[in-house]
Amino acid sequence: MKKLLALALTLWPLRVPGAMAAQDCGAPATVAAARGSRLQPMSRVKDYRIVLRICRRGGNQDRLAIRSLRIGGENLLLTVDPQSLTTRLDRAACWTCEDTTAAAQAKTRFIQAVDQLSQNKGERLPTGATWLDDAGLVHGRGGGSFITGDLCPSHRPLDRAFLQSLERKGEATPVALAISGLWLERHARDFNWLKRQMAEGRLAITFVNHSYRHPYRRGLPDAENYLLKPGLHMQKEILDVEKLLIANGATPSVFFRFPGLISAPKLMENLWRDHLIPLGADAWLALSPVVPPGGVILVHPNGNEPVGLRRFQRLRREGALPQPFRPINQAP
């Protein structure tokens, strides 16, 4: 009897490599994250790579994988629906994937948006200029408007009251939050609060990449500031944010917002290679009080720019914000 029990205990944890229970493939993969004031380190995400693979399940073309990774010994994929632009984390063992190219996927809405918005090779630059201001997706298709909020590095707390004011009964309000890595490092409690708002169906948050360090030095010209500072490693700025989000139970989107909305053709080419869509704004409310139909609204709920939040609320009371508020993935 003791020998049988010992044998059972030995065999119980064994699992055939790559084998998955049927129910494991019916939903996106989930990553358990720390609670309270501590974050999981990005180092728990291993072998993080940029890929472009076409992935099928059950004989149907379903998704494009844009990142591969490993957490806790399990191989995962960050995948995007090539038509809706929504992302999720999937178990690699649930899919049959093969490498593809942007040219082969050129008819998909996703690759068309990446191609059209990330491949600025200088044609918009004035003579002698070396940088771009507010390039990328600045205006969405159709009516309504798109709420986006930047979470640049800040020692101030998240303006939860502003985000709660967007909530409505019966339907989660869509909002895109551009998260910098340094903000996330310093605001674990605020970040976990955001995830609770999502889990409770109050907010439908799209996590936009806003670079890891969000470098900025007051007084420097734009051509030498933000992500144009000499010596900056653009791809590390991008991928470290994605890894930290995934390590803490969130899913990165296919959108990237440049700090200060300042970019350059060489940085746009980085986004194109990484299969990301640059997100600008045609209504930075601290600077502009007008929101046109289809407008991409920019505010800062990180405590650094209260004037934009006050202007948002005033325009909303006056009925001057185009409705409905729409998910950012509907904009391209």
Protein backbone atom coordinates (compact mmCIF):
# COMPACT_ATOMS: atom_id res chain seq x y z
CA MET A 1 0.00 0.00 0.00
CA LYS A 2 2.81 2.40 0.92
CA LYS A 3 4.56 1.63 -2.39
CA LEU A 4 1.37 2.34 -4.36
CA LEU A 5 0.86 5.64 -2.53
CA ALA A 6 4.46 6.66 -3.14
CA LEU A 7 4.10 5.82 -6.83
CA ALA A 8 0.89 7.87 -7.09
CA LEU A 9 2.51 10.88 -5.44
CA THR A 10 5.45 10.60 -7.83
CA LEU A 11 3.28 10.45 -10.96
CA TRP A 12 0.66 13.06 -9.99
CA PRO A 13 2.64 16.23 -10.89
CA LEU A 14 3.84 14.82 -14.21
CA ARG A 15 2.51 16.52 -17.33
CA VAL A 16 3.18 15.66 -20.95
CA PRO A 17 5.10 18.61 -22.45
CA GLY A 18 2.81 20.74 -24.57
CA ALA A 19 -0.35 18.88 -23.56
CA MET A 20 -3.26 21.08 -22.49
CA ALA A 21 -6.64 20.28 -21.06
CA ALA A 22 -9.41 21.20 -23.49
CA GLN A 23 -10.78 23.88 -21.19
CA ASP A 24 -7.35 25.56 -21.03
CA CYS A 25 -7.69 26.64 -24.66
CA GLY A 26 -11.15 28.14 -24.36
CA ALA A 27 -10.02 31.42 -22.79
CA PRO A 28 -7.00 33.73 -22.85
CA ALA A 29 -4.10 32.84 -20.60
CA THR A 30 -4.05 34.65 -17.28
CA VAL A 31 -1.01 35.74 -15.29
CA ALA A 32 -1.38 36.00 -11.53
CA ALA A 33 -0.04 39.30 -10.23
CA ALA A 34 0.90 40.71 -6.85
CA ARG A 35 -1.61 42.77 -4.89
CA GLY A 36 -1.26 45.89 -2.81
CA SER A 37 1.85 48.03 -3.13
CA ARG A 38 4.19 45.52 -4.75
CA LEU A 39 4.65 44.59 -8.39
CA GLN A 40 5.88 41.41 -9.94
CA PRO A 41 9.26 41.99 -11.60
CA MET A 42 9.43 41.99 -15.38
CA SER A 43 12.15 39.33 -15.05
CA ARG A 44 9.42 36.71 -14.60
CA VAL A 45 8.78 37.15 -18.34
CA LYS A 46 11.42 35.09 -20.16
CA ASP A 47 12.53 34.86 -23.81
CA TYR A 48 10.45 37.87 -24.85
CA ARG A 49 10.68 38.17 -28.63
CA ILE A 50 9.15 40.14 -31.48
CA VAL A 51 7.52 37.79 -33.97
CA LEU A 52 4.92 37.85 -36.70
CA ARG A 53 3.12 34.55 -37.01
CA ILE A 54 -0.22 33.52 -38.37
CA CYS A 55 -1.96 31.29 -35.83
CA ARG A 56 -4.89 28.95 -36.38
CA ARG A 57 -7.02 26.76 -34.20
CA GLY A 58 -9.57 24.29 -35.52
CA GLY A 59 -8.57 24.93 -39.13
CA ASN A 60 -9.52 28.62 -39.10
CA GLN A 61 -7.21 31.62 -39.40
CA ASP A 62 -7.84 33.37 -36.12
CA ARG A 63 -5.05 35.62 -34.90
CA LEU A 64 -1.61 37.10 -35.54
CA ALA A 65 1.07 36.55 -32.89
CA ILE A 66 3.31 39.61 -32.45
CA ARG A 67 5.28 38.49 -29.36
CA SER A 68 6.41 35.16 -27.95
CA LEU A 69 7.37 34.66 -24.31
CA ARG A 70 7.61 32.20 -21.45
CA ILE A 71 6.29 32.51 -17.90
CA GLY A 72 6.71 29.78 -15.31
CA GLY A 73 7.87 27.31 -17.93
CA GLU A 74 4.81 27.82 -20.15
CA ASN A 75 5.15 29.19 -23.68
CA LEU A 76 2.75 32.06 -24.40
CA LEU A 77 1.92 34.38 -27.28
CA LEU A 78 0.72 37.96 -27.37
CA THR A 79 -1.80 37.84 -30.19
CA VAL A 80 -3.93 40.40 -32.01
CA ASP A 81 -7.19 39.96 -33.87
CA PRO A 82 -6.17 41.28 -37.31
CA GLN A 83 -9.58 42.90 -37.88
CA SER A 84 -10.70 44.20 -34.47
CA LEU A 85 -7.13 45.04 -33.25
CA THR A 86 -7.86 43.60 -29.80
CA THR A 87 -5.00 41.78 -28.07
CA ARG A 88 -4.79 38.92 -25.61
CA LEU A 89 -2.31 36.48 -24.10
CA ASP A 90 -2.66 32.94 -25.48
CA ARG A 91 -1.09 29.59 -24.68
CA ALA A 92 1.18 28.64 -27.56
CA ALA A 93 0.25 24.96 -27.24
CA CYS A 94 -3.35 25.81 -28.18
CA TRP A 95 -2.44 27.14 -31.61
CA THR A 96 -0.78 26.04 -34.81
CA CYS A 97 1.40 28.93 -35.96
CA GLU A 98 3.75 29.66 -38.80
CA ASP A 99 5.91 32.66 -39.60
CA THR A 100 4.41 35.26 -41.90
CA THR A 101 5.30 38.74 -43.18
CA ALA A 102 3.67 42.15 -43.18
CA ALA A 103 3.41 41.90 -46.98
CA ALA A 104 1.51 38.62 -46.71
CA GLN A 105 -0.90 40.18 -44.21
CA ALA A 106 -1.21 43.51 -46.01
CA LYS A 107 -4.97 43.19 -46.49
CA THR A 108 -5.69 42.89 -42.78
CA ARG A 109 -6.89 45.99 -40.95
CA PHE A 110 -4.08 45.61 -38.41
CA ILE A 111 -1.18 45.61 -40.85
CA GLN A 112 -2.79 48.38 -42.91
CA ALA A 113 -2.94 50.57 -39.79
CA VAL A 114 0.67 49.78 -38.85
CA ASP A 115 1.85 50.46 -42.41
CA GLN A 116 -0.07 53.69 -42.86
CA LEU A 117 0.61 55.24 -39.46
CA SER A 118 4.08 53.98 -38.47
CA GLN A 119 6.04 54.27 -41.69
CA ASN A 120 6.85 57.95 -41.83
CA LYS A 121 10.09 58.18 -43.76
CA GLY A 122 10.35 61.94 -43.74
CA GLU A 123 7.76 63.02 -46.28
CA ARG A 124 5.97 65.16 -43.65
CA LEU A 125 9.14 66.86 -42.43
CA PRO A 126 9.77 70.49 -43.35
CA THR A 127 13.11 71.17 -44.97
CA GLY A 128 15.88 70.83 -42.42
CA ALA A 129 13.62 69.41 -39.68
CA THR A 130 14.58 66.21 -37.86
CA TRP A 131 11.52 65.49 -35.74
CA LEU A 132 7.75 65.09 -35.92
CA ASP A 133 5.03 66.65 -33.77
CA ASP A 134 1.86 64.65 -33.08
CA ALA A 135 2.33 62.12 -35.87
CA GLY A 136 0.35 58.90 -36.15
CA LEU A 137 -3.31 58.33 -35.32
CA VAL A 138 -4.74 61.71 -34.35
CA HIS A 139 -8.32 61.33 -35.51
CA GLY A 140 -10.67 58.36 -35.59
CA ARG A 141 -13.19 57.17 -38.09
CA GLY A 142 -16.85 58.00 -37.60
CA GLY A 143 -18.49 60.04 -34.86
CA GLY A 144 -18.19 60.14 -31.11
CA SER A 145 -14.76 60.58 -29.54
CA PHE A 146 -11.94 58.58 -27.98
CA ILE A 147 -10.81 59.25 -24.40
CA THR A 148 -7.09 58.71 -23.81
CA GLY A 149 -5.14 59.52 -20.66
CA ASP A 150 -1.37 59.66 -20.26
CA LEU A 151 0.27 58.26 -17.13
CA CYS A 152 3.69 59.85 -17.41
CA PRO A 153 6.09 59.39 -14.46
CA SER A 154 4.66 61.25 -11.48
CA HIS A 155 4.91 61.23 -7.70
CA ARG A 156 1.29 62.35 -7.45
CA PRO A 157 -1.51 59.79 -7.04
CA LEU A 158 -3.76 58.68 -9.87
CA ASP A 159 -6.84 60.91 -10.19
CA ARG A 160 -9.30 58.13 -9.41
CA ALA A 161 -12.19 60.59 -9.06
CA PHE A 162 -11.80 61.66 -12.69
CA LEU A 163 -11.84 58.06 -13.92
CA GLN A 164 -14.80 57.22 -11.69
CA SER A 165 -16.67 60.16 -13.20
CA LEU A 166 -16.49 58.36 -16.56
CA GLU A 167 -18.22 55.26 -15.23
CA ARG A 168 -21.84 54.53 -16.04
CA LYS A 169 -24.34 51.90 -15.04
CA GLY A 170 -24.69 48.81 -17.18
CA GLU A 171 -21.77 49.40 -19.54
CA ALA A 172 -18.03 49.84 -19.09
CA THR A 173 -16.73 53.15 -20.41
CA PRO A 174 -13.87 52.69 -22.89
CA VAL A 175 -10.70 54.61 -22.08
CA ALA A 176 -7.14 54.18 -23.37
CA LEU A 177 -4.44 54.74 -20.74
CA ALA A 178 -0.89 55.33 -21.97
CA ILE A 179 1.32 53.88 -19.24
CA SER A 180 4.99 54.62 -18.72
CA GLY A 181 7.10 52.03 -16.94
CA LEU A 182 8.28 54.43 -14.25
CA TRP A 183 4.68 55.41 -13.45
CA LEU A 184 3.79 51.75 -13.06
CA GLU A 185 6.82 51.09 -10.84
CA ARG A 186 5.70 53.83 -8.44
CA HIS A 187 1.94 53.26 -8.49
CA ALA A 188 1.25 49.58 -7.88
CA ARG A 189 -1.83 50.32 -5.76
CA ASP A 190 -3.28 52.65 -8.40
CA PHE A 191 -2.58 50.07 -11.10
CA ASN A 192 -4.30 47.32 -9.13
CA TRP A 193 -7.24 49.68 -8.61
CA LEU A 194 -7.46 50.13 -12.39
CA LYS A 195 -7.55 46.37 -12.87
CA ARG A 196 -10.37 46.10 -10.31
CA GLN A 197 -12.37 48.70 -12.22
CA MET A 198 -11.97 46.54 -15.30
CA ALA A 199 -12.86 43.30 -13.52
CA GLU A 200 -16.01 44.90 -12.09
CA GLY A 201 -17.12 46.10 -15.54
CA ARG A 202 -16.79 49.81 -14.75
CA LEU A 203 -14.04 50.75 -17.20
CA ALA A 204 -12.91 49.05 -20.41
CA ILE A 205 -9.23 50.00 -20.37
CA THR A 206 -6.86 49.67 -23.30
CA PHE A 207 -3.26 49.77 -22.06
CA VAL A 208 -1.18 51.88 -24.45
CA ASN A 209 2.62 51.82 -24.31
CA HIS A 210 4.06 55.22 -23.31
CA SER A 211 7.76 54.18 -23.13
CA TYR A 212 9.49 52.96 -19.99
CA ARG A 213 11.42 55.98 -18.75
CA HIS A 214 9.51 58.74 -20.58
CA PRO A 215 12.65 60.90 -20.61
CA TYR A 216 12.13 64.66 -20.43
CA ARG A 217 14.36 67.57 -19.45
CA ARG A 218 12.91 71.03 -19.10
CA GLY A 219 14.57 73.55 -21.39
CA LEU A 220 15.93 71.12 -23.97
CA PRO A 221 14.67 71.61 -27.54
CA ASP A 222 12.23 68.98 -28.75
CA ALA A 223 14.75 67.70 -31.30
CA GLU A 224 16.98 66.58 -28.38
CA ASN A 225 14.32 65.74 -25.81
CA TYR A 226 11.90 62.91 -24.96
CA LEU A 227 12.75 59.78 -26.96
CA LEU A 228 15.10 61.80 -29.17
CA LYS A 229 17.66 62.12 -26.36
CA PRO A 230 21.04 60.80 -27.50
CA GLY A 231 21.91 57.29 -26.39
CA LEU A 232 18.32 56.13 -25.84
CA HIS A 233 17.50 52.50 -26.70
CA MET A 234 14.08 52.74 -28.34
CA GLN A 235 13.29 49.04 -28.44
CA LYS A 236 14.10 48.60 -24.75
CA GLU A 237 11.79 51.53 -23.96
CA ILE A 238 9.01 49.67 -25.80
CA LEU A 239 9.53 46.08 -24.72
CA ASP A 240 10.20 46.73 -21.02
CA VAL A 241 6.75 48.32 -20.65
CA GLU A 242 5.13 45.32 -22.32
CA LYS A 243 6.98 42.86 -20.09
CA LEU A 244 6.09 44.75 -16.91
CA LEU A 245 2.41 44.90 -17.89
CA ILE A 246 2.29 41.19 -18.68
CA ALA A 247 4.18 40.27 -15.50
CA ASN A 248 1.45 42.07 -13.55
CA GLY A 249 -1.60 40.57 -15.19
CA ALA A 250 -2.34 43.16 -17.90
CA THR A 251 -2.34 42.86 -21.68
CA PRO A 252 -0.47 45.40 -23.83
CA SER A 253 -2.34 46.79 -26.81
CA VAL A 254 -0.98 47.46 -30.31
CA PHE A 255 -0.81 51.21 -29.64
CA PHE A 256 2.18 53.34 -28.64
CA ARG A 257 2.10 57.01 -27.65
CA PHE A 258 5.27 59.05 -27.87
CA PRO A 259 6.10 61.15 -24.79
CA GLY A 260 5.23 64.76 -25.53
CA LEU A 261 3.83 63.52 -28.88
CA ILE A 262 7.37 64.09 -30.22
CA SER A 263 8.79 61.51 -32.61
CA ALA A 264 10.98 61.15 -35.70
CA PRO A 265 11.05 58.99 -38.81
CA LYS A 266 13.70 56.67 -37.34
CA LEU A 267 11.50 56.09 -34.25
CA MET A 268 8.48 55.47 -36.46
CA GLU A 269 10.46 52.76 -38.23
CA ASN A 270 11.04 51.14 -34.82
CA LEU A 271 7.28 51.00 -34.29
CA TRP A 272 6.77 49.51 -37.74
CA ARG A 273 9.29 46.74 -37.05
CA ASP A 274 7.64 46.07 -33.67
CA HIS A 275 4.13 45.99 -35.24
CA LEU A 276 2.79 48.96 -33.27
CA ILE A 277 0.48 51.86 -34.14
CA PRO A 278 1.53 55.38 -33.04
CA LEU A 279 -1.23 57.19 -31.19
CA GLY A 280 -1.37 60.98 -31.33
CA ALA A 281 -4.19 63.36 -30.39
CA ASP A 282 -6.08 66.16 -32.09
CA ALA A 283 -7.52 67.41 -28.78
CA TRP A 284 -4.90 67.76 -26.02
CA LEU A 285 -7.34 69.47 -23.69
CA ALA A 286 -4.79 71.38 -21.63
CA LEU A 287 -3.79 73.09 -24.89
CA SER A 288 -6.94 72.95 -27.02
CA PRO A 289 -10.59 73.36 -25.93
CA VAL A 290 -12.13 71.97 -29.14
CA VAL A 291 -12.97 68.28 -29.71
CA PRO A 292 -14.17 67.50 -33.24
CA PRO A 293 -16.32 64.44 -34.05
CA GLY A 294 -13.99 61.45 -34.11
CA GLY A 295 -11.52 63.34 -31.95
CA VAL A 296 -8.79 61.57 -30.00
CA ILE A 297 -8.89 63.34 -26.62
CA LEU A 298 -5.74 63.60 -24.49
CA VAL A 299 -5.79 64.31 -20.75
CA HIS A 300 -3.38 63.49 -17.91
CA PRO A 301 -5.01 61.72 -14.93
CA ASN A 302 -1.57 61.26 -13.31
CA GLY A 303 -1.94 64.40 -11.18
CA ASN A 304 0.38 66.53 -13.34
CA GLU A 305 -2.14 68.40 -15.49
CA PRO A 306 -5.41 69.15 -13.65
CA VAL A 307 -6.38 71.93 -16.08
CA GLY A 308 -7.06 69.34 -18.79
CA LEU A 309 -9.30 67.30 -16.49
CA ARG A 310 -11.28 70.40 -15.47
CA ARG A 311 -11.71 71.37 -19.11
CA PHE A 312 -12.92 67.85 -19.95
CA GLN A 313 -15.58 68.03 -17.25
CA ARG A 314 -16.70 71.50 -18.33
CA LEU A 315 -16.98 70.48 -21.99
CA ARG A 316 -18.86 67.38 -20.95
CA ARG A 317 -21.37 69.41 -18.92
CA GLU A 318 -21.84 71.74 -21.87
CA GLY A 319 -22.45 68.85 -24.25
CA ALA A 320 -19.35 69.81 -26.25
CA LEU A 321 -17.73 66.35 -26.18
CA PRO A 322 -18.87 64.23 -29.13
CA GLN A 323 -20.70 61.11 -27.95
CA PRO A 324 -20.50 58.18 -27.61
CA PHE A 325 -17.06 57.54 -26.14
CA ARG A 326 -15.60 54.75 -28.27
CA PRO A 327 -12.80 52.17 -27.84
CA ILE A 328 -9.52 53.32 -29.37
CA ASN A 329 -9.20 50.14 -31.44
CA GLN A 330 -12.14 51.41 -33.51
CA ALA A 331 -10.26 54.57 -34.50
CA PRO A 332 -7.77 53.41 -37.20
